Amino acid sequence: MPNLLVDRATSDMLIGPDWALNLEICDILNHNPGLAKDFVKGLKKRIRSKNSNVQLLALTLLETVVKNCGDIVHMHIADKGIPHAMVKIVKKKPDFHVKEKILGMINSWQEAFVGDSHGRYPQFIIAYHDLLRAGVVFPKRHERSTAPPFTPPQMKPRSTYSSSLKNCDKQSKMLEYDNKFQTLRYIFNIVL
């Protein structure tokens, strides 16, 4: 199943990322991290595609997954050699957009994982240093326009969401009734 979703999300028929499908894949991987191994295997194949559009879609999916999924997915991405595969692609002089996307991702990942006190994923940092040694110049990151490499942790416990939503529902129903009342009052005034 993961490979089918990867193929759909990176189809050469798409003109841009299918964000709904990409986020659905993240939800599936977060709900069932056991699928991560097959997902990464399929994604690696698509990243190595000869079609630059497929590569860009695969890289966008990879970036989305890294930002929205947890350690198990990160571990499979690192262990299955995706950072190394990305380095090889850059060294082969790929399409300009593919190269820029890869360099931006590796640069943001090395910043994120260098601060990892556990040192769990050195593959991301090694990929960055391999490219530096090869003379690659990384594009400058603009702090304000760049999203963080990972989705920040949830600030508000889920249990409080339901009460907030209930209050929101009550308020919207009150507004709805108020609008109906105003409409009836307006009609009533016209008739009289």
Foldseek 3Di string as FASTA:
>chain_A
DLLVLLCVQLPPVDPDGPVVSLVVSLVVCQVPVVCLLVNLVSLLVQCPDPDVSSVVSSLVSVLSNQARHDDSNVLNNLVVCVLVSLLVCLVVPHDPVSNLSNLVLLVLVLVVQVPVPVNRRCSSVVSNVVCVVVVDDHDDDDVVPDDHSYHDDDDDDPVVVVVVVVVVVVVVVVVVVVVVVVVVVVVVVVVD
